[in-house]
Amino acid sequence: MVSKVLAKESRQRSPDSEPDLLRRAA
C-alpha cells in the first residue's frame, strides 16, 4: 500500500529540470 501511494506521488511530482521549472513558474 505504501508503494502505491509513493507511485501515485511520483506521477504527480513537479518538473525536474530548470527549463521545466521555469515554464511551471510562468
PDB file of all heavy atoms in Angstrom:
ATOM      1  N   MET A   1       0.816  -1.201   0.000  1.00  0.00           N
ATOM      2  CA  MET A   1       0.000   0.000   0.000  1.00  0.00           C
ATOM      3  C   MET A   1       0.861   1.266   0.000  1.00  0.00           C
ATOM      4  O   MET A   1       0.539   2.257  -0.667  1.00  0.00           O
ATOM      5  CB  MET A   1      -0.934  -0.006   1.206  1.00  0.00           C
ATOM      6  CG  MET A   1      -1.912  -1.186   1.230  1.00  0.00           C
ATOM      7  SD  MET A   1      -2.903  -1.319  -0.275  1.00  0.00           S
ATOM      8  CE  MET A   1      -3.913   0.151  -0.137  1.00  0.00           C
ATOM      9  N   VAL A   2       1.968   1.230   0.733  1.00  0.00           N
ATOM     10  CA  VAL A   2       2.887   2.365   0.745  1.00  0.00           C
ATOM     11  C   VAL A   2       3.457   2.587  -0.653  1.00  0.00           C
ATOM     12  O   VAL A   2       3.573   3.716  -1.128  1.00  0.00           O
ATOM     13  CB  VAL A   2       4.013   2.148   1.772  1.00  0.00           C
ATOM     14  CG1 VAL A   2       5.114   3.194   1.601  1.00  0.00           C
ATOM     15  CG2 VAL A   2       3.451   2.211   3.186  1.00  0.00           C
ATOM     16  N   SER A   3       3.807   1.506  -1.332  1.00  0.00           N
ATOM     17  CA  SER A   3       4.347   1.611  -2.687  1.00  0.00           C
ATOM     18  C   SER A   3       3.341   2.257  -3.634  1.00  0.00           C
ATOM     19  O   SER A   3       3.714   3.036  -4.513  1.00  0.00           O
ATOM     20  CB  SER A   3       4.746   0.227  -3.209  1.00  0.00           C
ATOM     21  OG  SER A   3       5.831  -0.290  -2.479  1.00  0.00           O
ATOM     22  N   LYS A   4       2.054   1.940  -3.446  1.00  0.00           N
ATOM     23  CA  LYS A   4       1.026   2.541  -4.301  1.00  0.00           C
ATOM     24  C   LYS A   4       0.936   4.047  -4.085  1.00  0.00           C
ATOM     25  O   LYS A   4       0.816   4.821  -5.036  1.00  0.00           O
ATOM     26  CB  LYS A   4      -0.337   1.896  -4.017  1.00  0.00           C
ATOM     27  CG  LYS A   4      -0.458   0.470  -4.522  1.00  0.00           C
ATOM     28  CD  LYS A   4      -1.866  -0.062  -4.302  1.00  0.00           C
ATOM     29  CE  LYS A   4      -2.003  -1.470  -4.851  1.00  0.00           C
ATOM     30  NZ  LYS A   4      -3.383  -1.980  -4.702  1.00  0.00           N
ATOM     31  N   VAL A   5       1.001   4.465  -2.812  1.00  0.00           N
ATOM     32  CA  VAL A   5       0.946   5.901  -2.518  1.00  0.00           C
ATOM     33  C   VAL A   5       2.153   6.610  -3.117  1.00  0.00           C
ATOM     34  O   VAL A   5       2.039   7.667  -3.744  1.00  0.00           O
ATOM     35  CB  VAL A   5       0.879   6.147  -1.000  1.00  0.00           C
ATOM     36  CG1 VAL A   5       1.002   7.633  -0.690  1.00  0.00           C
ATOM     37  CG2 VAL A   5      -0.424   5.595  -0.433  1.00  0.00           C
ATOM     38  N   LEU A   6       3.340   6.019  -2.939  1.00  0.00           N
ATOM     39  CA  LEU A   6       4.560   6.634  -3.459  1.00  0.00           C
ATOM     40  C   LEU A   6       4.557   6.680  -4.980  1.00  0.00           C
ATOM     41  O   LEU A   6       5.030   7.655  -5.582  1.00  0.00           O
ATOM     42  CB  LEU A   6       5.786   5.871  -2.954  1.00  0.00           C
ATOM     43  CG  LEU A   6       6.050   5.954  -1.449  1.00  0.00           C
ATOM     44  CD1 LEU A   6       7.185   5.017  -1.056  1.00  0.00           C
ATOM     45  CD2 LEU A   6       6.364   7.377  -1.025  1.00  0.00           C
ATOM     46  N   ALA A   7       4.036   5.624  -5.601  1.00  0.00           N
ATOM     47  CA  ALA A   7       3.982   5.604  -7.064  1.00  0.00           C
ATOM     48  C   ALA A   7       3.054   6.699  -7.583  1.00  0.00           C
ATOM     49  O   ALA A   7       3.354   7.374  -8.577  1.00  0.00           O
ATOM     50  CB  ALA A   7       3.508   4.232  -7.547  1.00  0.00           C
ATOM     51  N   LYS A   8       1.925   6.891  -6.898  1.00  0.00           N
ATOM     52  CA  LYS A   8       0.993   7.947  -7.302  1.00  0.00           C
ATOM     53  C   LYS A   8       1.630   9.322  -7.134  1.00  0.00           C
ATOM     54  O   LYS A   8       1.512  10.192  -8.007  1.00  0.00           O
ATOM     55  CB  LYS A   8      -0.280   7.856  -6.462  1.00  0.00           C
ATOM     56  CG  LYS A   8      -1.306   8.924  -6.822  1.00  0.00           C
ATOM     57  CD  LYS A   8      -2.539   8.799  -5.959  1.00  0.00           C
ATOM     58  CE  LYS A   8      -3.521   9.919  -6.284  1.00  0.00           C
ATOM     59  NZ  LYS A   8      -4.738   9.860  -5.448  1.00  0.00           N
ATOM     60  N   GLU A   9       2.332   9.517  -6.015  1.00  0.00           N
ATOM     61  CA  GLU A   9       3.003  10.799  -5.786  1.00  0.00           C
ATOM     62  C   GLU A   9       4.087  11.042  -6.824  1.00  0.00           C
ATOM     63  O   GLU A   9       4.315  12.171  -7.245  1.00  0.00           O
ATOM     64  CB  GLU A   9       3.597  10.825  -4.380  1.00  0.00           C
ATOM     65  CG  GLU A   9       2.544  10.907  -3.286  1.00  0.00           C
ATOM     66  CD  GLU A   9       3.148  10.970  -1.895  1.00  0.00           C
ATOM     67  OE1 GLU A   9       4.379  10.764  -1.776  1.00  0.00           O
ATOM     68  OE2 GLU A   9       2.408  11.226  -0.931  1.00  0.00           O
ATOM     69  N   SER A  10       4.752   9.959  -7.229  1.00  0.00           N
ATOM     70  CA  SER A  10       5.805  10.091  -8.237  1.00  0.00           C
ATOM     71  C   SER A  10       5.229  10.616  -9.548  1.00  0.00           C
ATOM     72  O   SER A  10       5.837  11.448 -10.221  1.00  0.00           O
ATOM     73  CB  SER A  10       6.491   8.737  -8.457  1.00  0.00           C
ATOM     74  OG  SER A  10       7.484   8.839  -9.448  1.00  0.00           O
ATOM     75  N   ARG A  11       4.038  10.141  -9.910  1.00  0.00           N
ATOM     76  CA  ARG A  11       3.403  10.595 -11.146  1.00  0.00           C
ATOM     77  C   ARG A  11       2.964  12.051 -11.051  1.00  0.00           C
ATOM     78  O   ARG A  11       2.793  12.726 -12.069  1.00  0.00           O
ATOM     79  CB  ARG A  11       2.189   9.704 -11.463  1.00  0.00           C
ATOM     80  CG  ARG A  11       2.544   8.273 -11.817  1.00  0.00           C
ATOM     81  CD  ARG A  11       1.345   7.546 -12.395  1.00  0.00           C
ATOM     82  NE  ARG A  11       0.271   7.415 -11.426  1.00  0.00           N
ATOM     83  CZ  ARG A  11       0.145   6.395 -10.584  1.00  0.00           C
ATOM     84  NH1 ARG A  11       1.044   5.430 -10.581  1.00  0.00           N
ATOM     85  NH2 ARG A  11      -0.875   6.331  -9.745  1.00  0.00           N
ATOM     86  N   GLN A  12       2.765  12.530  -9.807  1.00  0.00           N
ATOM     87  CA  GLN A  12       2.270  13.888  -9.610  1.00  0.00           C
ATOM     88  C   GLN A  12       3.380  14.882  -9.316  1.00  0.00           C
ATOM     89  O   GLN A  12       3.124  16.041  -9.045  1.00  0.00           O
ATOM     90  CB  GLN A  12       1.267  13.905  -8.443  1.00  0.00           C
ATOM     91  CG  GLN A  12       0.007  13.096  -8.710  1.00  0.00           C
ATOM     92  CD  GLN A  12      -0.901  13.068  -7.491  1.00  0.00           C
ATOM     93  OE1 GLN A  12      -0.456  13.234  -6.356  1.00  0.00           O
ATOM     94  NE2 GLN A  12      -2.176  12.848  -7.721  1.00  0.00           N
ATOM     95  N   ARG A  13       4.611  14.443  -9.343  1.00  0.00           N
ATOM     96  CA  ARG A  13       5.692  15.332  -8.935  1.00  0.00           C
ATOM     97  C   ARG A  13       5.929  16.460  -9.927  1.00  0.00           C
ATOM     98  O   ARG A  13       5.575  16.395 -11.086  1.00  0.00           O
ATOM     99  CB  ARG A  13       6.977  14.528  -8.721  1.00  0.00           C
ATOM    100  CG  ARG A  13       6.912  13.740  -7.417  1.00  0.00           C
ATOM    101  CD  ARG A  13       8.152  12.928  -7.200  1.00  0.00           C
ATOM    102  NE  ARG A  13       7.890  11.963  -6.131  1.00  0.00           N
ATOM    103  CZ  ARG A  13       8.578  10.861  -5.949  1.00  0.00           C
ATOM    104  NH1 ARG A  13       9.573  10.572  -6.748  1.00  0.00           N
ATOM    105  NH2 ARG A  13       8.284  10.049  -4.965  1.00  0.00           N
ATOM    106  N   SER A  14       6.590  17.467  -9.414  1.00  0.00           N
ATOM    107  CA  SER A  14       6.839  18.667 -10.205  1.00  0.00           C
ATOM    108  C   SER A  14       7.983  18.472 -11.193  1.00  0.00           C
ATOM    109  O   SER A  14       8.731  17.501 -11.099  1.00  0.00           O
ATOM    110  CB  SER A  14       7.163  19.832  -9.266  1.00  0.00           C
ATOM    111  OG  SER A  14       6.043  20.154  -8.485  1.00  0.00           O
ATOM    112  N   PRO A  15       8.122  19.399 -12.138  1.00  0.00           N
ATOM    113  CA  PRO A  15       9.201  19.304 -13.129  1.00  0.00           C
ATOM    114  C   PRO A  15      10.575  19.180 -12.473  1.00  0.00           C
ATOM    115  O   PRO A  15      10.809  19.733 -11.399  1.00  0.00           O
ATOM    116  CB  PRO A  15       9.071  20.621 -13.901  1.00  0.00           C
ATOM    117  CG  PRO A  15       7.655  21.018 -13.730  1.00  0.00           C
ATOM    118  CD  PRO A  15       7.277  20.580 -12.356  1.00  0.00           C
ATOM    119  N   ASP A  16      11.462  18.463 -13.142  1.00  0.00           N
ATOM    120  CA  ASP A  16      12.776  18.197 -12.563  1.00  0.00           C
ATOM    121  C   ASP A  16      13.842  19.154 -13.084  1.00  0.00           C
ATOM    122  O   ASP A  16      14.692  19.608 -12.334  1.00  0.00           O
ATOM    123  CB  ASP A  16      13.189  16.755 -12.857  1.00  0.00           C
ATOM    124  CG  ASP A  16      14.422  16.348 -12.070  1.00  0.00           C
ATOM    125  OD1 ASP A  16      14.367  16.393 -10.827  1.00  0.00           O
ATOM    126  OD2 ASP A  16      15.442  15.992 -12.696  1.00  0.00           O
ATOM    127  N   SER A  17      13.799  19.476 -14.360  1.00  0.00           N
ATOM    128  CA  SER A  17      14.845  20.308 -14.951  1.00  0.00           C
ATOM    129  C   SER A  17      14.553  21.790 -14.746  1.00  0.00           C
ATOM    130  O   SER A  17      13.402  22.200 -14.527  1.00  0.00           O
ATOM    131  CB  SER A  17      14.961  20.020 -16.449  1.00  0.00           C
ATOM    132  OG  SER A  17      13.809  20.477 -17.134  1.00  0.00           O
ATOM    133  N   GLU A  18      15.593  22.612 -14.843  1.00  0.00           N
ATOM    134  CA  GLU A  18      15.428  24.058 -14.677  1.00  0.00           C
ATOM    135  C   GLU A  18      14.514  24.665 -15.740  1.00  0.00           C
ATOM    136  O   GLU A  18      13.669  25.502 -15.411  1.00  0.00           O
ATOM    137  CB  GLU A  18      16.798  24.739 -14.656  1.00  0.00           C
ATOM    138  CG  GLU A  18      17.597  24.405 -13.409  1.00  0.00           C
ATOM    139  CD  GLU A  18      18.889  25.197 -13.309  1.00  0.00           C
ATOM    140  OE1 GLU A  18      18.957  26.288 -13.913  1.00  0.00           O
ATOM    141  OE2 GLU A  18      19.817  24.732 -12.627  1.00  0.00           O
ATOM    142  N   PRO A  19      14.639  24.291 -17.020  1.00  0.00           N
ATOM    143  CA  PRO A  19      13.701  24.842 -18.016  1.00  0.00           C
ATOM    144  C   PRO A  19      12.246  24.486 -17.696  1.00  0.00           C
ATOM    145  O   PRO A  19      11.351  25.318 -17.865  1.00  0.00           O
ATOM    146  CB  PRO A  19      14.159  24.194 -19.326  1.00  0.00           C
ATOM    147  CG  PRO A  19      15.606  23.901 -19.107  1.00  0.00           C
ATOM    148  CD  PRO A  19      15.712  23.489 -17.672  1.00  0.00           C
ATOM    149  N   ASP A  20      12.007  23.251 -17.223  1.00  0.00           N
ATOM    150  CA  ASP A  20      10.639  22.861 -16.884  1.00  0.00           C
ATOM    151  C   ASP A  20      10.136  23.613 -15.658  1.00  0.00           C
ATOM    152  O   ASP A  20       8.960  23.991 -15.584  1.00  0.00           O
ATOM    153  CB  ASP A  20      10.567  21.351 -16.632  1.00  0.00           C
ATOM    154  CG  ASP A  20      10.686  20.536 -17.908  1.00  0.00           C
ATOM    155  OD1 ASP A  20      10.466  21.113 -18.989  1.00  0.00           O
ATOM    156  OD2 ASP A  20      10.992  19.337 -17.826  1.00  0.00           O
ATOM    157  N   LEU A  21      11.009  23.827 -14.683  1.00  0.00           N
ATOM    158  CA  LEU A  21      10.628  24.615 -13.511  1.00  0.00           C
ATOM    159  C   LEU A  21      10.281  26.049 -13.909  1.00  0.00           C
ATOM    160  O   LEU A  21       9.322  26.638 -13.397  1.00  0.00           O
ATOM    161  CB  LEU A  21      11.758  24.624 -12.486  1.00  0.00           C
ATOM    162  CG  LEU A  21      11.942  23.362 -11.640  1.00  0.00           C
ATOM    163  CD1 LEU A  21      13.243  23.448 -10.854  1.00  0.00           C
ATOM    164  CD2 LEU A  21      10.761  23.164 -10.691  1.00  0.00           C
ATOM    165  N   LEU A  22      11.052  26.596 -14.832  1.00  0.00           N
ATOM    166  CA  LEU A  22      10.802  27.962 -15.287  1.00  0.00           C
ATOM    167  C   LEU A  22       9.466  28.046 -16.023  1.00  0.00           C
ATOM    168  O   LEU A  22       8.704  29.006 -15.847  1.00  0.00           O
ATOM    169  CB  LEU A  22      11.945  28.425 -16.192  1.00  0.00           C
ATOM    170  CG  LEU A  22      12.095  29.929 -16.432  1.00  0.00           C
ATOM    171  CD1 LEU A  22      12.259  30.674 -15.106  1.00  0.00           C
ATOM    172  CD2 LEU A  22      13.273  30.193 -17.347  1.00  0.00           C
ATOM    173  N   ARG A  23       9.164  27.024 -16.815  1.00  0.00           N
ATOM    174  CA  ARG A  23       7.879  27.004 -17.516  1.00  0.00           C
ATOM    175  C   ARG A  23       6.723  26.913 -16.523  1.00  0.00           C
ATOM    176  O   ARG A  23       5.694  27.579 -16.686  1.00  0.00           O
ATOM    177  CB  ARG A  23       7.828  25.834 -18.506  1.00  0.00           C
ATOM    178  CG  ARG A  23       8.497  26.123 -19.839  1.00  0.00           C
ATOM    179  CD  ARG A  23       8.153  25.074 -20.872  1.00  0.00           C
ATOM    180  NE  ARG A  23       8.748  23.771 -20.543  1.00  0.00           N
ATOM    181  CZ  ARG A  23       9.965  23.397 -20.935  1.00  0.00           C
ATOM    182  NH1 ARG A  23      10.716  24.232 -21.647  1.00  0.00           N
ATOM    183  NH2 ARG A  23      10.434  22.219 -20.621  1.00  0.00           N
ATOM    184  N   ARG A  24       6.915  26.081 -15.494  1.00  0.00           N
ATOM    185  CA  ARG A  24       5.849  25.946 -14.486  1.00  0.00           C
ATOM    186  C   ARG A  24       5.666  27.265 -13.729  1.00  0.00           C
ATOM    187  O   ARG A  24       4.534  27.651 -13.428  1.00  0.00           O
ATOM    188  CB  ARG A  24       6.190  24.822 -13.511  1.00  0.00           C
ATOM    189  CG  ARG A  24       5.102  24.548 -12.468  1.00  0.00           C
ATOM    190  CD  ARG A  24       3.772  24.281 -13.144  1.00  0.00           C
ATOM    191  NE  ARG A  24       2.677  24.131 -12.209  1.00  0.00           N
ATOM    192  CZ  ARG A  24       1.414  24.373 -12.512  1.00  0.00           C
ATOM    193  NH1 ARG A  24       1.080  24.788 -13.726  1.00  0.00           N
ATOM    194  NH2 ARG A  24       0.460  24.212 -11.609  1.00  0.00           N
ATOM    195  N   ALA A  25       6.752  27.950 -13.448  1.00  0.00           N
ATOM    196  CA  ALA A  25       6.660  29.239 -12.774  1.00  0.00           C
ATOM    197  C   ALA A  25       5.859  30.224 -13.620  1.00  0.00           C
ATOM    198  O   ALA A  25       5.028  30.985 -13.095  1.00  0.00           O
ATOM    199  CB  ALA A  25       8.054  29.786 -12.493  1.00  0.00           C
ATOM    200  N   ALA A  26       6.102  30.213 -14.929  1.00  0.00           N
ATOM    201  CA  ALA A  26       5.374  31.115 -15.824  1.00  0.00           C
ATOM    202  C   ALA A  26       3.884  30.790 -15.827  1.00  0.00           C
ATOM    203  O   ALA A  26       3.031  31.694 -15.839  1.00  0.00           O
ATOM    204  CB  ALA A  26       5.949  31.016 -17.241  1.00  0.00           C
TER     205      ALA A  26
END
